[in-house]
Amino acid sequence: MCTCHGVPAMGSCPVLPFVLLFSASLLSTGDGDKVLVYPMDGSHWINMKILLKALYSRGHQITVLRSSTSWYISEFSPYYTSITVPQEQSQNIESQTFMTSFLETSLEVRRNKGSLWALFEFYRNVFDLVKGNNQIVAKLISSVLENKTLIRELKEPGYDLFLTDPVFPGGVLLAHYLKLPLVFNVRWISIGEAHFAIAPTPLSYVPAVFSHCSDKMDFFQRVSNIFYQSMLIYMYKYVSSPPYQAICDDHFGNNVSIMSLLQNADLWLMRVDYIFEFPRPTMPNIIYIGGFQGKPAKPLPSHLEEFMQSSGKYGVIVMTLGTLLNDLGSELSETFASAFANLPQKVLWRHAGKRPATLGNNTMLLDWLPQNDVLGHPKTKAFVTHGGTNGIYQAIYHGVPVLGIPLIFDQDDNMVRLKARGVAEMIEVTSTDVEALTSALKNIVDPKKPYKQNMMKLSQLHHDKPIKPIDNAVFWMEHVMRHKGASHLRTEAYKLPLHAYYNLDVMAVFLVFGLLITKFSWASCRCIIGCFTMKKKAKLE
């Protein structure tokens, strides 16, 4: 037996070398494979970086292909090496100025909600954004494919995996060109929610993006749901797909489409789970990692901890609108400031722009806050958010009820899902006033209301899993690397023509045979009746 005090010498404790070797083996359980990553910037990069850190901790070598205009994606990192591709024009979604303008236009459209003009302006606004960004990404990927020196640099390491976010599918084209196993970190693609590309999707109970429907739809909601999905299909075919299809035609031949390349991916790491998402048909190569961002809260900086503790029995409300949308404009900011001033709770507000004149003494404005750590603090009573997926899952992880103020993109649909679970309420930001906002905030934090209890139940369900979402993601990425792909999980249905997929040819054959049998039966009956009639007539004569 060896009793160790402090740090003993190796020879004095024969158990220690074994412990060190065992610990080293645990740290090097990864295969040290090489991963090439083509990410998307903004909030999408925040969650992609979590996957990269997890892969790095397993000993994998990571290379990130980034644009010279990247906003969030740093050229230097302890977790990866980078290859920077020159780009003249950045994507619009990487520009704070552009996104502020886009938000202003979106809010103006929402103020006229219900009119045909508003519907037209909504889609024109979205289509312009999508078209411009896809053209920029397609131009960048085209320059990569035509850069023989860069292509040689990408081929030489012998990468084992290509990881990308396919919302703008430039990485999909590059992975196909390099012939690498392809894994998606995904929720959205150009045809809408990612399931729509690879899994059966009955529109009778699967809500389309922008429909604001739940999985319980009446007749008119189903009509609306079909309309919204039809618009997304139109956007894919005529707005987002053409720039990439031109690259497919140039480099892969006319029989390859961007959709077929998407459907050919080995693995889809889906950034939702069925704690949040509505149940629906799925496929074996869809792995649900919803909440992989979740982690225990760390201690807050002293000034924030002091503020939290000063809230007493009433607690704190946290408000933040994510990466791009922190400035609501002076009018809306004054409305929120006035409503917050009416509350007994204290408020932490990540705010950009001019300081509101009506700001109460109970509210602290911050340029940035440690969102996960604040949401995990026991004094936090509610989360006011635009409804981004990252923030929603952090709220679920820590059991914090939500007041949603959806602004753009999928945020309304995200809040519909939370509201259906009884853990959130949502307000229409363009029509709310101080009184309505104050009432909504008081409802969310009221202990007599079911929001907190429902969210705690949702949080318990989220945590009740055999494996953490991030560990599940890493396992399946390593599974693809070990087996050089995951074709055994992928359906071949996407290779079928439309008439074969829906068995229209089989139904047509059955219909023809049915008609022939019916005609034969009818002719036989007429013949028998005719013979019987002739015999009867002969007897009478």
Protein backbone atom coordinates (compact mmCIF):
# COMPACT_ATOMS: atom_id res chain seq x y z
CA MET A 1 0.00 0.00 0.00
CA CYS A 2 1.27 3.44 -0.88
CA THR A 3 0.25 6.59 0.97
CA CYS A 4 1.01 9.69 -1.03
CA HIS A 5 1.30 13.16 0.44
CA GLY A 6 1.79 16.11 -1.88
CA VAL A 7 3.58 15.08 -5.09
CA PRO A 8 5.64 11.93 -4.53
CA ALA A 9 8.52 10.69 -6.63
CA MET A 10 7.70 8.11 -9.27
CA GLY A 11 9.59 5.36 -7.55
CA SER A 12 7.89 5.95 -4.19
CA CYS A 13 4.40 5.22 -5.52
CA PRO A 14 4.17 2.32 -8.01
CA VAL A 15 0.45 2.97 -8.54
CA LEU A 16 1.08 6.45 -9.91
CA PRO A 17 2.61 5.49 -13.29
CA PHE A 18 -0.40 3.27 -13.96
CA VAL A 19 -2.78 6.11 -13.07
CA LEU A 20 -0.91 8.53 -15.35
CA LEU A 21 -0.86 6.08 -18.23
CA PHE A 22 -4.56 5.37 -17.79
CA SER A 23 -5.36 9.10 -17.71
CA ALA A 24 -3.29 9.65 -20.85
CA SER A 25 -5.17 6.88 -22.61
CA LEU A 26 -8.46 8.57 -21.77
CA LEU A 27 -7.24 11.87 -23.17
CA SER A 28 -6.13 10.28 -26.42
CA THR A 29 -9.17 8.16 -27.18
CA GLY A 30 -9.70 10.02 -30.47
CA ASP A 31 -8.12 8.62 -33.62
CA GLY A 32 -6.38 11.88 -34.48
CA ASP A 33 -8.18 12.08 -37.82
CA LYS A 34 -8.13 15.18 -40.00
CA VAL A 35 -11.28 17.27 -40.32
CA LEU A 36 -11.88 20.00 -42.92
CA VAL A 37 -14.52 22.53 -41.89
CA TYR A 38 -16.43 25.01 -44.04
CA PRO A 39 -18.52 27.02 -41.52
CA MET A 40 -21.08 29.77 -41.68
CA ASP A 41 -20.40 33.02 -39.86
CA GLY A 42 -22.44 34.78 -37.17
CA SER A 43 -24.44 32.81 -34.60
CA HIS A 44 -23.98 29.64 -36.68
CA TRP A 45 -20.24 29.85 -36.06
CA ILE A 46 -20.85 30.02 -32.30
CA ASN A 47 -22.38 26.55 -32.27
CA MET A 48 -19.98 25.17 -34.90
CA LYS A 49 -17.07 26.21 -32.67
CA ILE A 50 -18.51 24.07 -29.85
CA LEU A 51 -18.27 20.99 -32.11
CA LEU A 52 -14.72 21.91 -33.12
CA LYS A 53 -13.59 22.21 -29.50
CA ALA A 54 -15.11 18.80 -28.76
CA LEU A 55 -13.30 17.24 -31.75
CA TYR A 56 -10.05 18.93 -30.75
CA SER A 57 -10.35 17.52 -27.22
CA ARG A 58 -10.46 14.06 -28.82
CA GLY A 59 -7.16 14.64 -30.57
CA HIS A 60 -8.46 15.39 -34.07
CA GLN A 61 -6.66 17.84 -36.34
CA ILE A 62 -9.00 20.55 -37.59
CA THR A 63 -8.61 22.90 -40.53
CA VAL A 64 -11.14 25.69 -41.05
CA LEU A 65 -11.68 27.19 -44.50
CA ARG A 66 -12.62 30.82 -43.88
CA SER A 67 -13.23 33.92 -45.96
CA SER A 68 -10.96 36.96 -45.68
CA THR A 69 -14.11 38.93 -44.77
CA SER A 70 -15.11 36.64 -41.89
CA TRP A 71 -16.60 38.52 -38.99
CA TYR A 72 -16.56 35.92 -36.21
CA ILE A 73 -14.24 33.23 -37.53
CA SER A 74 -10.76 34.06 -36.30
CA GLU A 75 -7.73 33.27 -38.44
CA PHE A 76 -5.83 32.05 -35.37
CA SER A 77 -7.11 29.62 -32.77
CA PRO A 78 -5.72 27.00 -30.38
CA TYR A 79 -8.36 24.55 -31.67
CA TYR A 80 -7.77 24.70 -35.40
CA THR A 81 -5.56 25.92 -38.19
CA SER A 82 -7.14 28.05 -40.89
CA ILE A 83 -6.94 28.57 -44.61
CA THR A 84 -8.10 32.03 -45.62
CA VAL A 85 -9.69 32.49 -49.03
CA PRO A 86 -9.63 36.05 -50.47
CA GLN A 87 -13.10 37.50 -50.92
CA GLU A 88 -13.95 40.97 -52.20
CA GLN A 89 -17.50 41.21 -50.89
CA SER A 90 -18.70 39.89 -47.55
CA GLN A 91 -22.07 38.24 -47.05
CA ASN A 92 -24.86 40.58 -46.05
CA ILE A 93 -25.58 38.57 -42.91
CA GLU A 94 -22.04 39.35 -41.73
CA SER A 95 -22.77 43.09 -41.76
CA GLN A 96 -24.24 44.75 -38.67
CA THR A 97 -25.35 47.71 -40.80
CA PHE A 98 -27.13 45.53 -43.35
CA MET A 99 -28.87 43.39 -40.72
CA THR A 100 -30.06 46.49 -38.87
CA SER A 101 -31.56 47.75 -42.13
CA PHE A 102 -33.06 44.31 -42.82
CA LEU A 103 -34.62 44.30 -39.35
CA GLU A 104 -36.12 47.77 -39.86
CA THR A 105 -37.71 46.65 -43.13
CA SER A 106 -38.98 43.45 -41.51
CA LEU A 107 -40.56 45.38 -38.64
CA GLU A 108 -42.25 47.75 -41.08
CA VAL A 109 -43.70 44.74 -42.93
CA ARG A 110 -44.92 43.27 -39.61
CA ARG A 111 -46.75 46.50 -38.82
CA ASN A 112 -48.90 45.88 -41.93
CA LYS A 113 -49.33 42.17 -41.17
CA GLY A 114 -52.41 40.63 -42.77
CA SER A 115 -52.39 42.61 -46.00
CA LEU A 116 -51.38 41.25 -49.40
CA TRP A 117 -48.83 44.06 -49.64
CA ALA A 118 -47.20 42.90 -46.40
CA LEU A 119 -47.02 39.32 -47.68
CA PHE A 120 -45.43 40.48 -50.93
CA GLU A 121 -42.95 42.72 -49.12
CA PHE A 122 -42.09 39.96 -46.65
CA TYR A 123 -41.06 37.55 -49.40
CA ARG A 124 -39.37 40.23 -51.46
CA ASN A 125 -37.28 41.14 -48.41
CA VAL A 126 -36.38 37.50 -47.70
CA PHE A 127 -35.72 36.64 -51.35
CA ASP A 128 -33.40 39.64 -51.78
CA LEU A 129 -31.40 38.61 -48.71
CA VAL A 130 -31.20 34.95 -49.74
CA LYS A 131 -30.37 35.71 -53.39
CA GLY A 132 -27.59 38.16 -52.55
CA ASN A 133 -25.93 35.91 -49.98
CA ASN A 134 -26.10 32.79 -52.14
CA GLN A 135 -24.58 34.62 -55.11
CA ILE A 136 -21.67 35.76 -52.91
CA VAL A 137 -21.10 32.24 -51.51
CA ALA A 138 -21.34 30.65 -54.96
CA LYS A 139 -18.79 33.13 -56.31
CA LEU A 140 -16.42 32.29 -53.45
CA ILE A 141 -16.74 28.52 -53.99
CA SER A 142 -16.29 28.91 -57.72
CA SER A 143 -13.02 30.75 -57.07
CA VAL A 144 -11.91 27.94 -54.73
CA LEU A 145 -12.67 25.22 -57.28
CA GLU A 146 -10.79 27.12 -59.97
CA ASN A 147 -7.76 27.71 -57.75
CA LYS A 148 -5.64 24.64 -58.56
CA THR A 149 -3.02 25.53 -55.97
CA LEU A 150 -5.61 25.75 -53.21
CA ILE A 151 -7.34 22.55 -54.34
CA ARG A 152 -4.00 20.74 -54.23
CA GLU A 153 -3.46 22.13 -50.71
CA LEU A 154 -6.87 20.80 -49.67
CA LYS A 155 -6.25 17.36 -51.18
CA GLU A 156 -2.73 16.73 -49.86
CA PRO A 157 -3.53 16.22 -46.12
CA GLY A 158 -5.96 13.39 -46.89
CA TYR A 159 -8.85 14.66 -44.78
CA ASP A 160 -11.10 12.04 -43.17
CA LEU A 161 -14.20 14.20 -42.80
CA PHE A 162 -15.79 17.34 -44.21
CA LEU A 163 -17.97 19.24 -41.72
CA THR A 164 -20.18 22.11 -42.89
CA ASP A 165 -23.34 24.09 -42.20
CA PRO A 166 -25.41 23.75 -45.40
CA VAL A 167 -27.69 26.75 -44.93
CA PHE A 168 -25.57 28.23 -47.73
CA PRO A 169 -24.37 25.06 -49.48
CA GLY A 170 -20.95 26.16 -50.71
CA GLY A 171 -19.32 23.53 -48.50
CA VAL A 172 -21.54 20.84 -50.01
CA LEU A 173 -20.09 21.52 -53.47
CA LEU A 174 -16.53 21.53 -52.17
CA ALA A 175 -16.96 18.27 -50.25
CA HIS A 176 -18.30 16.58 -53.39
CA TYR A 177 -15.38 17.90 -55.44
CA LEU A 178 -12.88 16.61 -52.86
CA LYS A 179 -14.78 13.30 -52.51
CA LEU A 180 -14.83 13.45 -48.71
CA PRO A 181 -17.35 11.94 -46.23
CA LEU A 182 -19.79 14.74 -45.51
CA VAL A 183 -21.40 15.67 -42.17
CA PHE A 184 -23.82 18.56 -41.64
CA ASN A 185 -24.20 20.73 -38.55
CA VAL A 186 -27.68 21.77 -39.60
CA ARG A 187 -31.14 22.98 -38.97
CA TRP A 188 -31.97 25.12 -42.00
CA ILE A 189 -31.32 24.74 -45.71
CA SER A 190 -32.56 26.73 -48.68
CA ILE A 191 -35.77 24.71 -48.94
CA GLY A 192 -36.64 25.44 -45.31
CA GLU A 193 -36.26 23.15 -42.31
CA ALA A 194 -33.66 20.47 -43.08
CA HIS A 195 -36.01 17.50 -42.67
CA PHE A 196 -37.88 18.61 -45.79
CA ALA A 197 -34.93 17.52 -47.97
CA ILE A 198 -34.57 13.92 -46.77
CA ALA A 199 -37.46 12.72 -44.60
CA PRO A 200 -41.16 12.17 -45.37
CA THR A 201 -42.91 15.42 -44.51
CA PRO A 202 -46.72 15.31 -44.25
CA LEU A 203 -47.84 18.93 -44.34
CA SER A 204 -50.99 17.94 -42.46
CA TYR A 205 -49.04 18.01 -39.18
CA VAL A 206 -45.46 19.11 -39.98
CA PRO A 207 -45.35 22.94 -39.92
CA ALA A 208 -43.38 24.75 -42.61
CA VAL A 209 -41.04 27.65 -41.87
CA PHE A 210 -42.87 31.01 -41.57
CA SER A 211 -46.25 29.26 -41.19
CA HIS A 212 -46.34 29.94 -37.40
CA CYS A 213 -48.32 26.70 -37.05
CA SER A 214 -47.98 23.96 -34.47
CA ASP A 215 -48.49 20.25 -35.23
CA LYS A 216 -52.23 20.70 -34.56
CA MET A 217 -53.72 22.46 -37.59
CA ASP A 218 -57.29 23.13 -38.66
CA PHE A 219 -58.29 23.25 -42.33
CA PHE A 220 -57.28 26.87 -42.92
CA GLN A 221 -53.95 26.39 -41.15
CA ARG A 222 -53.22 23.39 -43.38
CA VAL A 223 -53.98 25.53 -46.44
CA SER A 224 -51.63 28.18 -45.07
CA ASN A 225 -48.97 25.56 -44.30
CA ILE A 226 -49.02 24.27 -47.88
CA PHE A 227 -48.76 27.83 -49.18
CA TYR A 228 -45.71 28.65 -47.06
CA GLN A 229 -43.91 25.46 -48.03
CA SER A 230 -44.73 26.11 -51.68
CA MET A 231 -43.07 29.52 -51.38
CA LEU A 232 -39.95 27.89 -49.91
CA ILE A 233 -39.84 25.43 -52.80
CA TYR A 234 -40.14 28.37 -55.20
CA MET A 235 -37.31 30.15 -53.35
CA TYR A 236 -35.11 27.06 -53.64
CA LYS A 237 -35.74 26.55 -57.35
CA TYR A 238 -35.60 30.13 -58.57
CA VAL A 239 -33.74 32.18 -55.95
CA SER A 240 -31.14 30.21 -53.98
CA SER A 241 -30.36 27.21 -56.21
CA PRO A 242 -29.43 28.75 -59.62
CA PRO A 243 -25.94 30.08 -58.64
CA TYR A 244 -24.95 26.64 -57.29
CA GLN A 245 -26.56 24.75 -60.15
CA ALA A 246 -24.36 26.68 -62.56
CA ILE A 247 -21.30 25.41 -60.64
CA CYS A 248 -22.68 21.85 -60.69
CA ASP A 249 -23.14 22.06 -64.45
CA ASP A 250 -19.60 23.38 -64.96
CA HIS A 251 -17.78 20.94 -62.67
CA PHE A 252 -19.99 17.87 -62.16
CA GLY A 253 -22.22 17.56 -65.22
CA ASN A 254 -25.86 18.32 -65.92
CA ASN A 255 -27.18 15.28 -64.04
CA VAL A 256 -25.99 16.59 -60.64
CA SER A 257 -28.13 19.05 -58.67
CA ILE A 258 -27.42 20.84 -55.43
CA MET A 259 -30.37 19.00 -53.85
CA SER A 260 -28.97 15.59 -54.80
CA LEU A 261 -25.64 16.58 -53.23
CA LEU A 262 -27.41 17.64 -50.05
CA GLN A 263 -29.35 14.38 -49.90
CA ASN A 264 -26.15 12.41 -50.46
CA ALA A 265 -24.59 13.65 -47.18
CA ASP A 266 -23.52 10.89 -44.80
CA LEU A 267 -24.81 12.42 -41.58
CA TRP A 268 -27.10 15.23 -40.48
CA LEU A 269 -26.34 16.53 -36.98
CA MET A 270 -29.68 18.22 -36.32
CA ARG A 271 -29.56 21.11 -33.85
CA VAL A 272 -32.93 20.23 -32.29
CA ASP A 273 -34.49 17.36 -30.37
CA TYR A 274 -38.03 16.27 -29.63
CA ILE A 275 -38.09 18.06 -26.31
CA PHE A 276 -38.37 21.23 -28.40
CA GLU A 277 -39.34 20.09 -31.91
CA PHE A 278 -42.72 18.59 -32.84
CA PRO A 279 -42.58 14.81 -33.48
CA ARG A 280 -42.36 13.92 -37.18
CA PRO A 281 -40.94 11.22 -39.50
CA THR A 282 -37.16 11.02 -39.56
CA MET A 283 -34.28 9.02 -41.08
CA PRO A 284 -31.43 6.88 -39.66
CA ASN A 285 -28.69 9.32 -40.63
CA ILE A 286 -30.32 12.23 -38.77
CA ILE A 287 -28.73 12.52 -35.33
CA TYR A 288 -30.47 14.87 -32.90
CA ILE A 289 -28.08 17.02 -30.87
CA GLY A 290 -30.47 19.68 -29.61
CA GLY A 291 -28.98 21.41 -26.57
CA PHE A 292 -25.37 20.49 -27.33
CA GLN A 293 -24.57 24.10 -26.38
CA GLY A 294 -25.74 23.43 -22.82
CA LYS A 295 -23.26 23.43 -19.97
CA PRO A 296 -23.29 24.22 -16.24
CA ALA A 297 -23.13 27.87 -15.32
CA LYS A 298 -19.80 29.34 -14.20
CA PRO A 299 -19.46 31.92 -11.42
CA LEU A 300 -20.27 35.45 -12.57
CA PRO A 301 -17.87 38.39 -12.42
CA SER A 302 -18.12 40.17 -9.09
CA HIS A 303 -20.09 43.19 -10.37
CA LEU A 304 -22.73 40.93 -11.98
CA GLU A 305 -22.93 38.63 -8.95
CA GLU A 306 -23.47 41.65 -6.71
CA PHE A 307 -26.24 42.88 -9.01
CA MET A 308 -27.93 39.44 -9.03
CA GLN A 309 -27.81 39.13 -5.25
CA SER A 310 -29.19 42.66 -4.79
CA SER A 311 -32.46 41.55 -6.44
CA GLY A 312 -33.60 39.86 -3.23
CA LYS A 313 -36.67 37.64 -3.37
CA TYR A 314 -37.86 39.07 -6.70
CA GLY A 315 -34.90 37.90 -8.78
CA VAL A 316 -33.66 39.05 -12.17
CA ILE A 317 -35.03 39.16 -15.72
CA VAL A 318 -32.46 38.75 -18.51
CA MET A 319 -32.92 40.29 -21.95
CA THR A 320 -30.71 39.79 -24.96
CA LEU A 321 -31.45 39.66 -28.69
CA GLY A 322 -28.53 37.62 -29.91
CA THR A 323 -25.64 38.39 -32.21
CA LEU A 324 -27.05 40.86 -34.73
CA LEU A 325 -30.26 42.37 -33.44
CA ASN A 326 -29.50 44.20 -30.20
CA ASP A 327 -30.66 47.63 -31.38
CA LEU A 328 -34.46 47.81 -31.60
CA GLY A 329 -34.46 51.53 -32.31
CA SER A 330 -35.21 54.34 -29.88
CA GLU A 331 -39.02 54.00 -29.81
CA LEU A 332 -39.09 50.29 -28.97
CA SER A 333 -36.16 50.65 -26.58
CA GLU A 334 -38.09 53.30 -24.64
CA THR A 335 -41.10 50.96 -24.46
CA PHE A 336 -39.01 48.14 -23.02
CA ALA A 337 -37.20 50.44 -20.60
CA SER A 338 -40.51 51.80 -19.27
CA ALA A 339 -41.96 48.31 -18.86
CA PHE A 340 -38.85 47.10 -17.03
CA ALA A 341 -39.03 50.12 -14.71
CA ASN A 342 -42.52 49.00 -13.64
CA LEU A 343 -41.26 45.66 -12.31
CA PRO A 344 -40.05 44.69 -8.82
CA GLN A 345 -37.44 42.45 -10.45
CA LYS A 346 -34.07 43.70 -11.52
CA VAL A 347 -33.19 43.50 -15.23
CA LEU A 348 -29.97 42.66 -17.07
CA TRP A 349 -30.30 43.99 -20.61
CA ARG A 350 -27.75 43.49 -23.34
CA HIS A 351 -28.41 46.66 -25.26
CA ALA A 352 -26.89 48.49 -28.20
CA GLY A 353 -27.71 52.02 -29.21
CA LYS A 354 -28.73 55.12 -27.29
CA ARG A 355 -29.45 54.79 -23.57
CA PRO A 356 -33.26 54.96 -23.08
CA ALA A 357 -34.46 58.08 -21.24
CA THR A 358 -37.08 56.03 -19.34
CA LEU A 359 -34.56 53.49 -17.99
CA GLY A 360 -35.33 52.56 -14.39
CA ASN A 361 -32.88 52.18 -11.51
CA ASN A 362 -33.58 48.43 -11.54
CA THR A 363 -32.06 47.92 -15.02
CA MET A 364 -28.41 47.40 -15.92
CA LEU A 365 -27.37 47.90 -19.56
CA LEU A 366 -24.48 45.82 -20.88
CA ASP A 367 -22.65 45.63 -24.20
CA TRP A 368 -22.15 41.92 -23.60
CA LEU A 369 -23.12 39.39 -20.95
CA PRO A 370 -22.20 35.75 -20.26
CA GLN A 371 -25.61 34.47 -21.35
CA ASN A 372 -25.28 30.84 -20.28
CA ASP A 373 -23.86 31.73 -16.86
CA VAL A 374 -26.55 34.34 -16.20
CA LEU A 375 -29.36 31.99 -17.27
CA GLY A 376 -27.94 29.33 -14.95
CA HIS A 377 -27.92 31.66 -11.94
CA PRO A 378 -30.55 30.79 -9.29
CA LYS A 379 -31.75 34.42 -9.18
CA THR A 380 -32.77 34.41 -12.88
CA LYS A 381 -36.56 34.29 -13.18
CA ALA A 382 -37.23 34.86 -16.90
CA PHE A 383 -35.49 35.25 -20.25
CA VAL A 384 -36.61 37.86 -22.78
CA THR A 385 -35.29 36.79 -26.16
CA HIS A 386 -35.83 37.08 -29.91
CA GLY A 387 -36.11 33.28 -30.11
CA GLY A 388 -32.77 32.13 -31.52
CA THR A 389 -32.10 28.40 -31.17
CA ASN A 390 -28.93 28.76 -29.09
CA GLY A 391 -30.60 30.92 -26.45
CA ILE A 392 -33.73 28.78 -26.37
CA TYR A 393 -31.77 25.62 -25.60
CA GLN A 394 -29.79 27.41 -22.90
CA ALA A 395 -33.09 28.43 -21.31
CA ILE A 396 -34.35 24.84 -21.50
CA TYR A 397 -31.07 23.53 -20.05
CA HIS A 398 -31.35 25.84 -17.03
CA GLY A 399 -35.16 25.73 -16.68
CA VAL A 400 -35.85 29.44 -17.30
CA PRO A 401 -39.27 30.44 -18.75
CA VAL A 402 -39.23 32.65 -21.83
CA LEU A 403 -40.93 35.77 -23.10
CA GLY A 404 -40.38 35.80 -26.85
CA ILE A 405 -40.15 38.88 -29.06
CA PRO A 406 -39.55 37.20 -32.44
CA LEU A 407 -38.18 39.52 -35.09
CA ILE A 408 -37.00 37.72 -38.26
CA PHE A 409 -36.35 34.34 -39.89
CA ASP A 410 -37.33 31.25 -37.86
CA GLN A 411 -37.86 33.05 -34.56
CA ASP A 412 -41.67 33.08 -34.70
CA ASP A 413 -41.72 29.34 -35.42
CA ASN A 414 -39.31 28.67 -32.55
CA MET A 415 -41.54 30.57 -30.15
CA VAL A 416 -44.63 28.71 -31.39
CA ARG A 417 -42.93 25.47 -30.31
CA LEU A 418 -42.12 26.82 -26.85
CA LYS A 419 -45.61 28.24 -26.41
CA ALA A 420 -47.10 24.87 -27.36
CA ARG A 421 -45.07 23.34 -24.52
CA GLY A 422 -46.50 25.87 -22.06
CA VAL A 423 -43.11 27.37 -21.18
CA ALA A 424 -43.29 30.71 -22.98
CA GLU A 425 -45.42 33.58 -24.16
CA MET A 426 -44.75 35.79 -27.15
CA ILE A 427 -45.57 39.38 -27.97
CA GLU A 428 -45.84 41.19 -31.28
CA VAL A 429 -43.06 43.70 -30.97
CA THR A 430 -44.53 46.15 -33.51
CA SER A 431 -47.87 46.55 -31.73
CA THR A 432 -47.02 46.20 -28.05
CA ASP A 433 -47.12 49.07 -25.58
CA VAL A 434 -45.78 49.62 -22.08
CA GLU A 435 -48.90 48.28 -20.37
CA ALA A 436 -49.11 45.09 -22.47
CA LEU A 437 -45.39 44.40 -22.14
CA THR A 438 -45.47 44.95 -18.38
CA SER A 439 -48.41 42.56 -18.06
CA ALA A 440 -46.65 39.88 -20.14
CA LEU A 441 -43.49 40.16 -18.03
CA LYS A 442 -45.43 39.90 -14.78
CA ASN A 443 -47.23 36.80 -16.07
CA ILE A 444 -43.99 35.02 -16.95
CA VAL A 445 -42.44 35.57 -13.51
CA ASP A 446 -45.68 34.97 -11.55
CA PRO A 447 -45.10 31.81 -9.43
CA LYS A 448 -48.85 31.08 -9.62
CA LYS A 449 -48.60 30.70 -13.40
CA PRO A 450 -47.44 27.34 -14.84
CA TYR A 451 -44.52 28.65 -16.95
CA LYS A 452 -41.75 27.90 -14.45
CA GLN A 453 -43.10 24.46 -13.53
CA ASN A 454 -43.56 23.52 -17.18
CA MET A 455 -40.06 24.69 -18.05
CA MET A 456 -38.55 22.73 -15.17
CA LYS A 457 -40.32 19.62 -16.47
CA LEU A 458 -39.03 20.32 -19.97
CA SER A 459 -35.54 20.77 -18.55
CA GLN A 460 -35.78 17.43 -16.71
CA LEU A 461 -36.77 15.71 -19.96
CA HIS A 462 -33.89 17.41 -21.76
CA HIS A 463 -31.36 16.18 -19.20
CA ASP A 464 -32.83 12.66 -19.03
CA LYS A 465 -30.73 11.17 -21.84
CA PRO A 466 -28.27 8.25 -21.94
CA ILE A 467 -25.60 10.42 -23.53
CA LYS A 468 -24.95 14.16 -23.64
CA PRO A 469 -25.84 15.76 -27.00
CA ILE A 470 -22.26 16.96 -27.59
CA ASP A 471 -20.87 13.47 -26.88
CA ASN A 472 -23.48 12.01 -29.23
CA ALA A 473 -22.37 14.42 -31.97
CA VAL A 474 -18.70 13.52 -31.50
CA PHE A 475 -19.43 9.78 -31.48
CA TRP A 476 -21.27 9.91 -34.80
CA MET A 477 -18.67 12.12 -36.47
CA GLU A 478 -16.00 9.64 -35.40
CA HIS A 479 -18.26 6.81 -36.63
CA VAL A 480 -18.22 8.41 -40.09
CA MET A 481 -14.44 8.79 -39.92
CA ARG A 482 -13.88 5.19 -38.80
CA HIS A 483 -16.03 3.77 -41.58
CA LYS A 484 -15.15 6.24 -44.34
CA GLY A 485 -18.74 7.41 -44.60
CA ALA A 486 -22.18 6.29 -43.46
CA SER A 487 -23.89 5.07 -46.61
CA HIS A 488 -25.42 2.25 -44.53
CA LEU A 489 -27.59 4.89 -42.81
CA ARG A 490 -28.53 6.83 -45.94
CA THR A 491 -31.65 6.13 -47.96
CA GLU A 492 -31.32 5.90 -51.72
CA ALA A 493 -34.78 7.39 -52.19
CA TYR A 494 -33.37 10.67 -53.49
CA LYS A 495 -32.09 8.84 -56.58
CA LEU A 496 -35.62 7.85 -57.57
CA PRO A 497 -37.48 9.97 -60.12
CA LEU A 498 -40.64 11.62 -58.81
CA HIS A 499 -43.00 9.15 -60.46
CA ALA A 500 -41.13 6.20 -58.90
CA TYR A 501 -40.85 7.80 -55.44
CA TYR A 502 -44.63 8.23 -55.25
CA ASN A 503 -45.35 4.96 -57.14
CA LEU A 504 -47.27 6.89 -59.77
CA ASP A 505 -46.16 4.38 -62.41
CA VAL A 506 -47.39 1.47 -60.28
CA MET A 507 -50.72 3.18 -59.67
CA ALA A 508 -51.01 3.88 -63.39
CA VAL A 509 -50.46 0.18 -64.20
CA PHE A 510 -53.03 -0.82 -61.56
CA LEU A 511 -55.46 1.69 -63.02
CA VAL A 512 -54.96 0.35 -66.56
CA PHE A 513 -55.37 -3.25 -65.38
CA GLY A 514 -58.45 -2.21 -63.40
CA LEU A 515 -59.95 -0.58 -66.46
CA LEU A 516 -59.13 -3.60 -68.63
CA ILE A 517 -60.63 -6.01 -66.11
CA THR A 518 -63.71 -3.80 -65.79
CA LYS A 519 -64.05 -3.61 -69.57
CA PHE A 520 -63.54 -7.37 -69.94
CA SER A 521 -66.09 -8.07 -67.19
CA TRP A 522 -68.58 -5.68 -68.76
CA ALA A 523 -68.08 -7.25 -72.21
CA SER A 524 -68.45 -10.75 -70.74
CA CYS A 525 -71.64 -9.79 -68.96
CA ARG A 526 -73.06 -8.27 -72.13
CA CYS A 527 -72.12 -11.43 -74.05
CA ILE A 528 -73.76 -13.72 -71.49
CA ILE A 529 -76.86 -11.55 -71.32
CA GLY A 530 -76.96 -11.45 -75.13
CA CYS A 531 -76.70 -15.25 -75.41
CA PHE A 532 -79.37 -15.75 -72.75
CA THR A 533 -81.67 -13.31 -74.53
CA MET A 534 -81.14 -15.02 -77.89
CA LYS A 535 -81.91 -18.49 -76.44
CA LYS A 536 -85.04 -17.21 -74.75
CA LYS A 537 -86.19 -15.55 -77.97
CA ALA A 538 -85.52 -18.78 -79.95
CA LYS A 539 -87.68 -20.80 -77.52
CA LEU A 540 -90.53 -18.35 -77.82
CA GLU A 541 -90.43 -18.56 -81.60
